[in-house]
C-alpha atoms as a PDB file:
ATOM      1  CA  PHE A   1       4.670  16.561-116.651  1.00  0.00           C
ATOM      2  CA  PRO A   2       1.977  13.874-116.446  1.00  0.00           C
ATOM      3  CA  ARG A   3       1.373  12.514-112.949  1.00  0.00           C
ATOM      4  CA  LYS A   4       2.637   9.003-113.824  1.00  0.00           C
ATOM      5  CA  VAL A   5       5.921  10.457-115.069  1.00  0.00           C
ATOM      6  CA  VAL A   6       6.397  12.422-111.835  1.00  0.00           C
ATOM      7  CA  VAL A   7       5.719   9.335-109.716  1.00  0.00           C
ATOM      8  CA  PHE A   8       8.163   7.323-111.834  1.00  0.00           C
ATOM      9  CA  LEU A   9      10.890   9.959-111.397  1.00  0.00           C
ATOM     10  CA  VAL A  10      10.353  10.051-107.614  1.00  0.00           C
ATOM     11  CA  VAL A  11      10.622   6.265-107.356  1.00  0.00           C
ATOM     12  CA  VAL A  12      13.789   6.241-109.449  1.00  0.00           C
ATOM     13  CA  GLY A  13      15.208   8.971-107.218  1.00  0.00           C
ATOM     14  CA  PHE A  14      14.602   6.905-104.083  1.00  0.00           C
ATOM     15  CA  LEU A  15      16.193   3.850-105.679  1.00  0.00           C
ATOM     16  CA  LEU A  16      19.258   5.814-106.679  1.00  0.00           C
ATOM     17  CA  ALA A  17      19.556   7.291-103.185  1.00  0.00           C
ATOM     18  CA  GLY A  18      19.353   3.818-101.643  1.00  0.00           C
ATOM     19  CA  ALA A  19      21.993   2.518-104.024  1.00  0.00           C
ATOM     20  CA  SER A  20      24.220   5.445-103.094  1.00  0.00           C
ATOM     21  CA  VAL A  21      23.909   4.644 -99.395  1.00  0.00           C
ATOM     22  CA  LEU A  22      24.749   0.991 -99.988  1.00  0.00           C
ATOM     23  CA  ALA A  23      27.727   1.958-102.107  1.00  0.00           C
ATOM     24  CA  HIS A  24      29.141   4.052 -99.251  1.00  0.00           C
ATOM     25  CA  THR A  25      28.881   1.355 -96.569  1.00  0.00           C
ATOM     26  CA  ASP A  26      31.903   1.629 -94.291  1.00  0.00           C
ATOM     27  CA  SER A  27      34.411  -1.200 -94.084  1.00  0.00           C
ATOM     28  CA  PRO A  28      35.093  -2.857 -90.686  1.00  0.00           C
ATOM     29  CA  SER A  29      38.368  -0.935 -90.346  1.00  0.00           C
ATOM     30  CA  GLU A  30      36.586   2.369 -91.023  1.00  0.00           C
ATOM     31  CA  ILE A  31      33.891   1.523 -88.477  1.00  0.00           C
ATOM     32  CA  LEU A  32      36.584   0.670 -85.917  1.00  0.00           C
ATOM     33  CA  ASP A  33      38.405   3.943 -86.547  1.00  0.00           C
ATOM     34  CA  HIS A  34      35.136   5.851 -86.183  1.00  0.00           C
ATOM     35  CA  ALA A  35      34.315   4.038 -82.928  1.00  0.00           C
ATOM     36  CA  ILE A  36      37.742   4.827 -81.454  1.00  0.00           C
ATOM     37  CA  GLN A  37      37.420   8.436 -82.556  1.00  0.00           C
ATOM     38  CA  GLU A  38      34.001   8.776 -80.891  1.00  0.00           C
ATOM     39  CA  TYR A  39      35.342   7.162 -77.702  1.00  0.00           C
ATOM     40  CA  ARG A  40      38.334   9.502 -77.530  1.00  0.00           C
ATOM     41  CA  SER A  41      36.190  12.546 -78.288  1.00  0.00           C
ATOM     42  CA  ALA A  42      33.889  11.545 -75.445  1.00  0.00           C
ATOM     43  CA  LEU A  43      36.834  11.335 -73.045  1.00  0.00           C
ATOM     44  CA  ASP A  44      37.938  14.843 -74.068  1.00  0.00           C
ATOM     45  CA  SER A  45      34.474  16.388 -73.666  1.00  0.00           C
ATOM     46  CA  ASN A  46      33.566  18.334 -70.531  1.00  0.00           C
ATOM     47  CA  ASP A  47      29.838  18.309 -71.291  1.00  0.00           C
ATOM     48  CA  ARG A  48      28.107  15.326 -69.675  1.00  0.00           C
ATOM     49  CA  ALA A  49      25.318  15.079 -72.268  1.00  0.00           C
ATOM     50  CA  GLU A  50      27.824  15.141 -75.121  1.00  0.00           C
ATOM     51  CA  ARG A  51      30.009  12.560 -73.383  1.00  0.00           C
ATOM     52  CA  LEU A  52      27.127  10.145 -72.967  1.00  0.00           C
ATOM     53  CA  GLN A  53      26.022  10.669 -76.550  1.00  0.00           C
ATOM     54  CA  ARG A  54      29.482  10.025 -77.957  1.00  0.00           C
ATOM     55  CA  PHE A  55      30.035   6.965 -75.764  1.00  0.00           C
ATOM     56  CA  ARG A  56      26.681   5.638 -76.941  1.00  0.00           C
ATOM     57  CA  ARG A  57      27.732   6.174 -80.568  1.00  0.00           C
ATOM     58  CA  ALA A  58      30.996   4.335 -79.898  1.00  0.00           C
ATOM     59  CA  GLU A  59      29.039   1.484 -78.324  1.00  0.00           C
ATOM     60  CA  MET A  60      26.762   1.234 -81.361  1.00  0.00           C
ATOM     61  CA  LEU A  61      29.755   1.188 -83.712  1.00  0.00           C
ATOM     62  CA  PHE A  62      31.551  -1.514 -81.710  1.00  0.00           C
ATOM     63  CA  THR A  63      28.287  -3.478 -81.712  1.00  0.00           C
ATOM     64  CA  ARG A  64      28.188  -3.286 -85.515  1.00  0.00           C
ATOM     65  CA  LEU A  65      31.632  -4.870 -85.604  1.00  0.00           C
ATOM     66  CA  THR A  66      30.561  -7.729 -83.340  1.00  0.00           C
ATOM     67  CA  GLN A  67      27.690  -8.441 -85.705  1.00  0.00           C
ATOM     68  CA  ALA A  68      29.989  -8.606 -88.715  1.00  0.00           C
ATOM     69  CA  ASP A  69      31.540 -11.893 -89.810  1.00  0.00           C
ATOM     70  CA  SER A  70      35.146 -10.721 -89.573  1.00  0.00           C
ATOM     71  CA  PRO A  71      38.408 -11.851 -87.914  1.00  0.00           C
ATOM     72  CA  GLY A  72      38.246  -8.773 -85.654  1.00  0.00           C
ATOM     73  CA  ARG A  73      35.358 -10.270 -83.668  1.00  0.00           C
ATOM     74  CA  ASN A  74      37.393 -11.202 -80.600  1.00  0.00           C
ATOM     75  CA  ALA A  75      37.702 -10.678 -76.846  1.00  0.00           C
ATOM     76  CA  GLU A  76      39.453  -7.331 -77.271  1.00  0.00           C
ATOM     77  CA  LEU A  77      36.582  -5.986 -79.369  1.00  0.00           C
ATOM     78  CA  TYR A  78      33.998  -7.090 -76.802  1.00  0.00           C
ATOM     79  CA  THR A  79      36.082  -5.490 -74.045  1.00  0.00           C
ATOM     80  CA  ASN A  80      36.082  -2.188 -75.946  1.00  0.00           C
ATOM     81  CA  LEU A  81      32.338  -2.547 -76.452  1.00  0.00           C
ATOM     82  CA  GLY A  82      31.907  -3.086 -72.720  1.00  0.00           C
ATOM     83  CA  ASN A  83      34.012  -0.006 -71.925  1.00  0.00           C
ATOM     84  CA  ALA A  84      31.912   2.181 -74.219  1.00  0.00           C
ATOM     85  CA  ALA A  85      28.663   0.813 -72.760  1.00  0.00           C
ATOM     86  CA  LEU A  86      29.906   1.335 -69.199  1.00  0.00           C
ATOM     87  CA  GLN A  87      30.910   4.917 -69.936  1.00  0.00           C
ATOM     88  CA  ALA A  88      27.493   5.446 -71.536  1.00  0.00           C
ATOM     89  CA  GLU A  89      26.005   4.339 -68.186  1.00  0.00           C
ATOM     90  CA  ARG A  90      24.523   1.156 -69.681  1.00  0.00           C
ATOM     91  CA  ILE A  91      25.966  -1.205 -67.106  1.00  0.00           C
ATOM     92  CA  GLY A  92      23.844  -4.208 -68.100  1.00  0.00           C
ATOM     93  CA  HIS A  93      25.115  -4.160 -71.671  1.00  0.00           C
ATOM     94  CA  ALA A  94      28.659  -3.567 -70.405  1.00  0.00           C
ATOM     95  CA  ILE A  95      28.570  -6.695 -68.225  1.00  0.00           C
ATOM     96  CA  VAL A  96      27.172  -8.712 -71.143  1.00  0.00           C
ATOM     97  CA  ALA A  97      30.081  -7.551 -73.319  1.00  0.00           C
ATOM     98  CA  TYR A  98      32.720  -8.332 -70.670  1.00  0.00           C
ATOM     99  CA  ARG A  99      31.229 -11.780 -70.058  1.00  0.00           C
ATOM    100  CA  ARG A 100      31.266 -12.489 -73.795  1.00  0.00           C
ATOM    101  CA  ALA A 101      34.883 -11.357 -73.989  1.00  0.00           C
ATOM    102  CA  LEU A 102      35.757 -13.837 -71.247  1.00  0.00           C
ATOM    103  CA  THR A 103      33.803 -16.547 -73.043  1.00  0.00           C
ATOM    104  CA  LEU A 104      36.088 -16.055 -76.040  1.00  0.00           C
ATOM    105  CA  ASP A 105      39.234 -15.644 -73.914  1.00  0.00           C
ATOM    106  CA  PRO A 106      38.922 -16.637 -70.222  1.00  0.00           C
ATOM    107  CA  ASP A 107      42.391 -15.223 -69.519  1.00  0.00           C
ATOM    108  CA  HIS A 108      41.725 -11.723 -70.908  1.00  0.00           C
ATOM    109  CA  ARG A 109      43.036  -9.588 -68.041  1.00  0.00           C
ATOM    110  CA  ARG A 110      41.434  -6.269 -68.978  1.00  0.00           C
ATOM    111  CA  ALA A 111      37.996  -7.829 -69.484  1.00  0.00           C
ATOM    112  CA  ARG A 112      38.282  -9.556 -66.081  1.00  0.00           C
ATOM    113  CA  GLN A 113      39.347  -6.360 -64.313  1.00  0.00           C
ATOM    114  CA  ASN A 114      36.645  -4.236 -65.950  1.00  0.00           C
ATOM    115  CA  LEU A 115      33.974  -6.831 -65.184  1.00  0.00           C
ATOM    116  CA  GLU A 116      34.934  -6.748 -61.501  1.00  0.00           C
ATOM    117  CA  HIS A 117      34.824  -2.939 -61.560  1.00  0.00           C
ATOM    118  CA  ALA A 118      31.351  -2.984 -63.140  1.00  0.00           C
ATOM    119  CA  ARG A 119      30.125  -5.485 -60.544  1.00  0.00           C
ATOM    120  CA  ARG A 120      31.283  -3.192 -57.737  1.00  0.00           C
ATOM    121  CA  LEU A 121      28.998  -0.470 -59.115  1.00  0.00           C
ATOM    122  CA  LEU A 122      25.927  -2.629 -58.489  1.00  0.00           C
ATOM    123  CA  PRO A 123      23.958  -2.529 -55.205  1.00  0.00           C
ATOM    124  CA  SER A 124      25.598  -4.426 -52.358  1.00  0.00           C
ATOM    125  CA  TRP A 125      22.452  -6.495 -51.701  1.00  0.00           C
ATOM    126  CA  LEU A 126      22.623  -8.071 -55.164  1.00  0.00           C
ATOM    127  CA  PRO A 127      24.271 -11.534 -55.026  1.00  0.00           C
ATOM    128  CA  ARG A 128      27.181 -11.965 -57.410  1.00  0.00           C
ATOM    129  CA  PRO A 129      28.217 -15.164 -59.177  1.00  0.00           C
ATOM    130  CA  GLU A 130      31.168 -16.900 -57.587  1.00  0.00           C
ATOM    131  CA  GLU A 131      34.329 -17.464 -59.563  1.00  0.00           C
ATOM    132  CA  ARG A 132      35.128 -21.062 -60.425  1.00  0.00           C
ATOM    133  CA  GLY A 133      37.906 -22.762 -58.562  1.00  0.00           C
ATOM    134  CA  LEU A 134      40.273 -25.288 -60.112  1.00  0.00           C
ATOM    135  CA  TRP A 135      37.679 -28.069 -59.900  1.00  0.00           C
ATOM    136  CA  GLY A 136      34.934 -25.906 -61.351  1.00  0.00           C
ATOM    137  CA  THR A 137      37.218 -24.811 -64.154  1.00  0.00           C
ATOM    138  CA  PHE A 138      37.830 -28.432 -65.130  1.00  0.00           C
ATOM    139  CA  LEU A 139      34.114 -29.228 -65.055  1.00  0.00           C
ATOM    140  CA  GLY A 140      33.351 -26.172 -67.146  1.00  0.00           C
ATOM    141  CA  TRP A 141      35.989 -27.223 -69.676  1.00  0.00           C
ATOM    142  CA  SER A 142      34.528 -30.713 -69.905  1.00  0.00           C
ATOM    143  CA  ASP A 143      31.092 -29.244 -70.644  1.00  0.00           C
ATOM    144  CA  GLU A 144      32.487 -27.743 -73.840  1.00  0.00           C
ATOM    145  CA  LEU A 145      32.951 -31.270 -75.211  1.00  0.00           C
ATOM    146  CA  SER A 146      30.201 -33.245 -76.881  1.00  0.00           C
ATOM    147  CA  GLY A 147      29.068 -36.552 -75.428  1.00  0.00           C
ATOM    148  CA  THR A 148      31.081 -38.481 -78.026  1.00  0.00           C
ATOM    149  CA  GLU A 149      34.218 -36.427 -77.363  1.00  0.00           C
ATOM    150  CA  ARG A 150      33.912 -36.916 -73.619  1.00  0.00           C
ATOM    151  CA  GLY A 151      33.383 -40.637 -74.092  1.00  0.00           C
ATOM    152  CA  THR A 152      36.490 -40.883 -76.266  1.00  0.00           C
ATOM    153  CA  LEU A 153      38.572 -38.840 -73.834  1.00  0.00           C
ATOM    154  CA  ALA A 154      37.313 -40.944 -70.919  1.00  0.00           C
ATOM    155  CA  ALA A 155      38.425 -44.108 -72.732  1.00  0.00           C
ATOM    156  CA  VAL A 156      41.878 -42.608 -73.388  1.00  0.00           C
ATOM    157  CA  MET A 157      42.269 -41.536 -69.742  1.00  0.00           C
ATOM    158  CA  TYR A 158      41.252 -45.029 -68.598  1.00  0.00           C
ATOM    159  CA  LEU A 159      43.774 -46.749 -70.880  1.00  0.00           C
ATOM    160  CA  VAL A 160      46.559 -44.387 -69.793  1.00  0.00           C
ATOM    161  CA  GLY A 161      45.755 -44.935 -66.133  1.00  0.00           C
ATOM    162  CA  ILE A 162      45.627 -48.721 -66.528  1.00  0.00           C
ATOM    163  CA  ALA A 163      48.941 -48.654 -68.415  1.00  0.00           C
ATOM    164  CA  PHE A 164      50.591 -46.777 -65.550  1.00  0.00           C
ATOM    165  CA  LEU A 165      49.124 -49.215 -63.025  1.00  0.00           C
ATOM    166  CA  ALA A 166      50.338 -52.212 -65.032  1.00  0.00           C
ATOM    167  CA  GLN A 167      53.804 -50.700 -65.249  1.00  0.00           C
ATOM    168  CA  SER A 168      53.843 -50.070 -61.493  1.00  0.00           C
ATOM    169  CA  ILE A 169      52.897 -53.705 -60.798  1.00  0.00           C
ATOM    170  CA  ARG A 170      55.398 -55.065 -63.279  1.00  0.00           C
ATOM    171  CA  GLY A 171      58.287 -52.902 -62.134  1.00  0.00           C
ATOM    172  CA  ARG A 172      57.116 -52.440 -58.540  1.00  0.00           C
ATOM    173  CA  LYS A 173      57.672 -48.694 -58.863  1.00  0.00           C
ATOM    174  CA  THR A 174      55.650 -46.188 -56.816  1.00  0.00           C
ATOM    175  CA  LEU A 175      56.166 -43.467 -59.428  1.00  0.00           C
ATOM    176  CA  PHE A 176      53.962 -45.160 -62.015  1.00  0.00           C
ATOM    177  CA  ARG A 177      51.256 -45.833 -59.434  1.00  0.00           C
ATOM    178  CA  ASN A 178      51.210 -42.151 -58.511  1.00  0.00           C
ATOM    179  CA  LEU A 179      51.117 -41.139 -62.172  1.00  0.00           C
ATOM    180  CA  ALA A 180      48.005 -43.296 -62.649  1.00  0.00           C
ATOM    181  CA  VAL A 181      45.991 -41.198 -60.188  1.00  0.00           C
ATOM    182  CA  LEU A 182      45.485 -38.191 -62.475  1.00  0.00           C
ATOM    183  CA  PRO A 183      44.202 -39.949 -65.643  1.00  0.00           C
ATOM    184  CA  LEU A 184      41.985 -42.287 -63.598  1.00  0.00           C
ATOM    185  CA  THR A 185      40.519 -39.327 -61.705  1.00  0.00           C
ATOM    186  CA  ALA A 186      39.824 -37.572 -65.007  1.00  0.00           C
ATOM    187  CA  TRP A 187      38.198 -40.777 -66.271  1.00  0.00           C
ATOM    188  CA  LEU A 188      35.876 -40.927 -63.255  1.00  0.00           C
ATOM    189  CA  VAL A 189      34.866 -37.274 -63.671  1.00  0.00           C
ATOM    190  CA  LEU A 190      34.192 -37.626 -67.400  1.00  0.00           C
ATOM    191  CA  VAL A 191      32.132 -40.775 -66.825  1.00  0.00           C
ATOM    192  CA  GLY A 192      30.209 -38.909 -64.133  1.00  0.00           C
ATOM    193  CA  THR A 193      29.358 -36.046 -66.501  1.00  0.00           C
ATOM    194  CA  LEU A 194      28.093 -38.591 -69.025  1.00  0.00           C
ATOM    195  CA  VAL A 195      25.969 -40.463 -66.486  1.00  0.00           C
ATOM    196  CA  PHE A 196      24.339 -37.374 -64.996  1.00  0.00           C
ATOM    197  CA  ASN A 197      24.158 -35.531 -68.320  1.00  0.00           C
ATOM    198  CA  ARG A 198      25.453 -32.287 -66.862  1.00  0.00           C
ATOM    199  CA  THR A 199      25.504 -30.475 -70.178  1.00  0.00           C
ATOM    200  CA  ASP A 200      21.755 -30.587 -70.702  1.00  0.00           C
ATOM    201  CA  SER A 201      21.027 -29.569 -67.101  1.00  0.00           C
ATOM    202  CA  HIS A 202      23.047 -26.365 -67.231  1.00  0.00           C
ATOM    203  CA  PRO A 203      20.825 -23.269 -67.258  1.00  0.00           C
ATOM    204  CA  THR A 204      21.600 -20.431 -69.653  1.00  0.00           C
ATOM    205  CA  GLU A 205      23.461 -17.518 -68.072  1.00  0.00           C
ATOM    206  CA  ALA A 206      22.029 -14.073 -68.770  1.00  0.00           C
ATOM    207  CA  VAL A 207      22.141 -10.462 -67.618  1.00  0.00           C
ATOM    208  CA  ILE A 208      19.334  -8.035 -66.795  1.00  0.00           C
ATOM    209  CA  THR A 209      19.749  -5.084 -69.173  1.00  0.00           C
ATOM    210  CA  VAL A 210      16.684  -2.988 -68.277  1.00  0.00           C
ATOM    211  CA  PRO A 211      16.950  -0.822 -65.124  1.00  0.00           C
ATOM    212  CA  GLU A 212      14.495  -1.368 -62.285  1.00  0.00           C
ATOM    213  CA  THR A 213      13.203  -4.719 -63.544  1.00  0.00           C
ATOM    214  CA  ILE A 214      10.301  -5.993 -61.453  1.00  0.00           C
ATOM    215  CA  ALA A 215      10.722  -9.645 -60.475  1.00  0.00           C
ATOM    216  CA  ARG A 216       7.464 -11.507 -59.877  1.00  0.00           C
ATOM    217  CA  ALA A 217       6.448 -14.782 -58.292  1.00  0.00           C
ATOM    218  CA  ALA A 218       4.836 -16.073 -61.509  1.00  0.00           C
ATOM    219  CA  ASP A 219       4.702 -15.336 -65.225  1.00  0.00           C
ATOM    220  CA  SER A 220       2.057 -12.616 -64.986  1.00  0.00           C
ATOM    221  CA  ASN A 221       1.949  -8.873 -64.420  1.00  0.00           C
ATOM    222  CA  ARG A 222      -0.637  -9.566 -61.730  1.00  0.00           C
ATOM    223  CA  ALA A 223       1.618 -11.940 -59.807  1.00  0.00           C
ATOM    224  CA  PRO A 224       3.051 -10.710 -56.475  1.00  0.00           C
ATOM    225  CA  VAL A 225       6.392  -8.938 -56.471  1.00  0.00           C
ATOM    226  CA  ARG A 226       9.077 -11.494 -55.658  1.00  0.00           C
ATOM    227  CA  PHE A 227      11.782  -9.284 -54.146  1.00  0.00           C
ATOM    228  CA  ARG A 228      11.647  -6.203 -51.958  1.00  0.00           C
ATOM    229  CA  GLN A 229      13.642  -4.211 -54.546  1.00  0.00           C
ATOM    230  CA  PRO A 230      13.602  -4.248 -58.365  1.00  0.00           C
ATOM    231  CA  LEU A 231      16.525  -5.949 -60.088  1.00  0.00           C
ATOM    232  CA  PRO A 232      19.052  -3.433 -61.428  1.00  0.00           C
ATOM    233  CA  ALA A 233      20.532  -3.537 -64.901  1.00  0.00           C
ATOM    234  CA  GLY A 234      23.675  -5.648 -64.655  1.00  0.00           C
ATOM    235  CA  ALA A 235      22.215  -8.364 -62.428  1.00  0.00           C
ATOM    236  CA  GLU A 236      23.687 -11.715 -63.534  1.00  0.00           C
ATOM    237  CA  VAL A 237      21.176 -14.557 -63.469  1.00  0.00           C
ATOM    238  CA  ARG A 238      20.481 -18.037 -64.759  1.00  0.00           C
ATOM    239  CA  MET A 239      17.546 -18.680 -67.074  1.00  0.00           C
ATOM    240  CA  LEU A 240      15.694 -21.771 -65.913  1.00  0.00           C
ATOM    241  CA  GLU A 241      12.657 -21.655 -68.199  1.00  0.00           C
ATOM    242  CA  SER A 242      10.959 -19.460 -70.790  1.00  0.00           C
ATOM    243  CA  ARG A 243       7.233 -19.022 -71.386  1.00  0.00           C
ATOM    244  CA  GLU A 244       6.146 -16.674 -74.165  1.00  0.00           C
ATOM    245  CA  GLN A 245       7.168 -13.197 -72.917  1.00  0.00           C
ATOM    246  CA  TRP A 246       8.421 -14.356 -69.514  1.00  0.00           C
ATOM    247  CA  SER A 247      11.597 -16.012 -68.236  1.00  0.00           C
ATOM    248  CA  HIS A 248      12.110 -17.950 -65.010  1.00  0.00           C
ATOM    249  CA  ILE A 249      15.426 -16.799 -63.542  1.00  0.00           C
ATOM    250  CA  GLN A 250      17.623 -17.653 -60.570  1.00  0.00           C
ATOM    251  CA  LEU A 251      19.980 -15.340 -58.701  1.00  0.00           C
ATOM    252  CA  ALA A 252      23.426 -16.431 -57.528  1.00  0.00           C
ATOM    253  CA  ASP A 253      22.084 -17.078 -54.017  1.00  0.00           C
ATOM    254  CA  GLY A 254      19.431 -19.512 -55.319  1.00  0.00           C
ATOM    255  CA  ARG A 255      16.382 -17.234 -55.129  1.00  0.00           C
ATOM    256  CA  ASP A 256      14.172 -17.447 -58.209  1.00  0.00           C
ATOM    257  CA  ALA A 257      11.631 -15.192 -59.913  1.00  0.00           C
ATOM    258  CA  TRP A 258       9.925 -14.403 -63.203  1.00  0.00           C
ATOM    259  CA  VAL A 259      10.870 -11.372 -65.329  1.00  0.00           C
ATOM    260  CA  GLN A 260       9.979 -10.051 -68.760  1.00  0.00           C
ATOM    261  CA  SER A 261      12.186 -11.776 -71.363  1.00  0.00           C
ATOM    262  CA  SER A 262      12.717  -8.499 -73.206  1.00  0.00           C
ATOM    263  CA  GLY A 263      14.805  -7.261 -70.272  1.00  0.00           C
ATOM    264  CA  LEU A 264      17.242 -10.200 -70.461  1.00  0.00           C
ATOM    265  CA  GLU A 265      20.230 -10.850 -72.695  1.00  0.00           C
ATOM    266  CA  SER A 266      21.886 -14.257 -72.881  1.00  0.00           C
ATOM    267  CA  ILE A 267      25.651 -14.380 -72.442  1.00  0.00           C
ATOM    268  CA  ASN A 268      26.229 -17.081 -75.064  1.00  0.00           C
ATOM    269  CA  ASP A 269      23.716 -15.824 -77.606  1.00  0.00           C
ATOM    270  CA  PHE A 270      26.172 -13.980 -79.849  1.00  0.00           C
END
């Protein structure tokens, strides 16, 4: 055959092969079944190398599902992703997955338990983020509202509190005065978050995903090493600033450093 004809046939062959691959793209349910199968096969394997390989495959398949725009993208899926990553000895990615699961569902018990287990695997010298108390939980909830929504809610809380106070004065009843305390307190807090603009001042939470990450005193490979030991994968930090390939981070105990941005993964960037 002439050379042009051969080239044409080869190109057509590649196009047909690509179309065949696209035609056989697995559905989300098939991907989920495959991920569960890989995970279970890994648990049944006695060979360490095979176990790690199968857990890694399960992690990749669960990750594909989190990237898909489907109803199955929920806290349970991210918990399963974290379990596969943890079993594959990728603790940084596991903690990211558990944190994302808790972002979607703060009351997810299995994600909370597995996150605490993963944290216990990290070096004891590494500071861990403190859990929010009742007050911190309220402040965190208020940060989810926009400025307009907080302003509206503050106005409602104020009106409710004033109504209770007016009723207590009119009827001389202590009950209504006591009931006014809660809405007026909420009003003061919401006004405070508006005045100090807490939402914009919140750093982005992230996790170190690369083992043995060197933390430096400035955004340069020539800068002095900031800490005595490298940061392990799984270290939870706050991102204060980004400059090109570097990120300014802060540990839970307030110490700060610069690390390569490629070794960080944001909790809320999903």
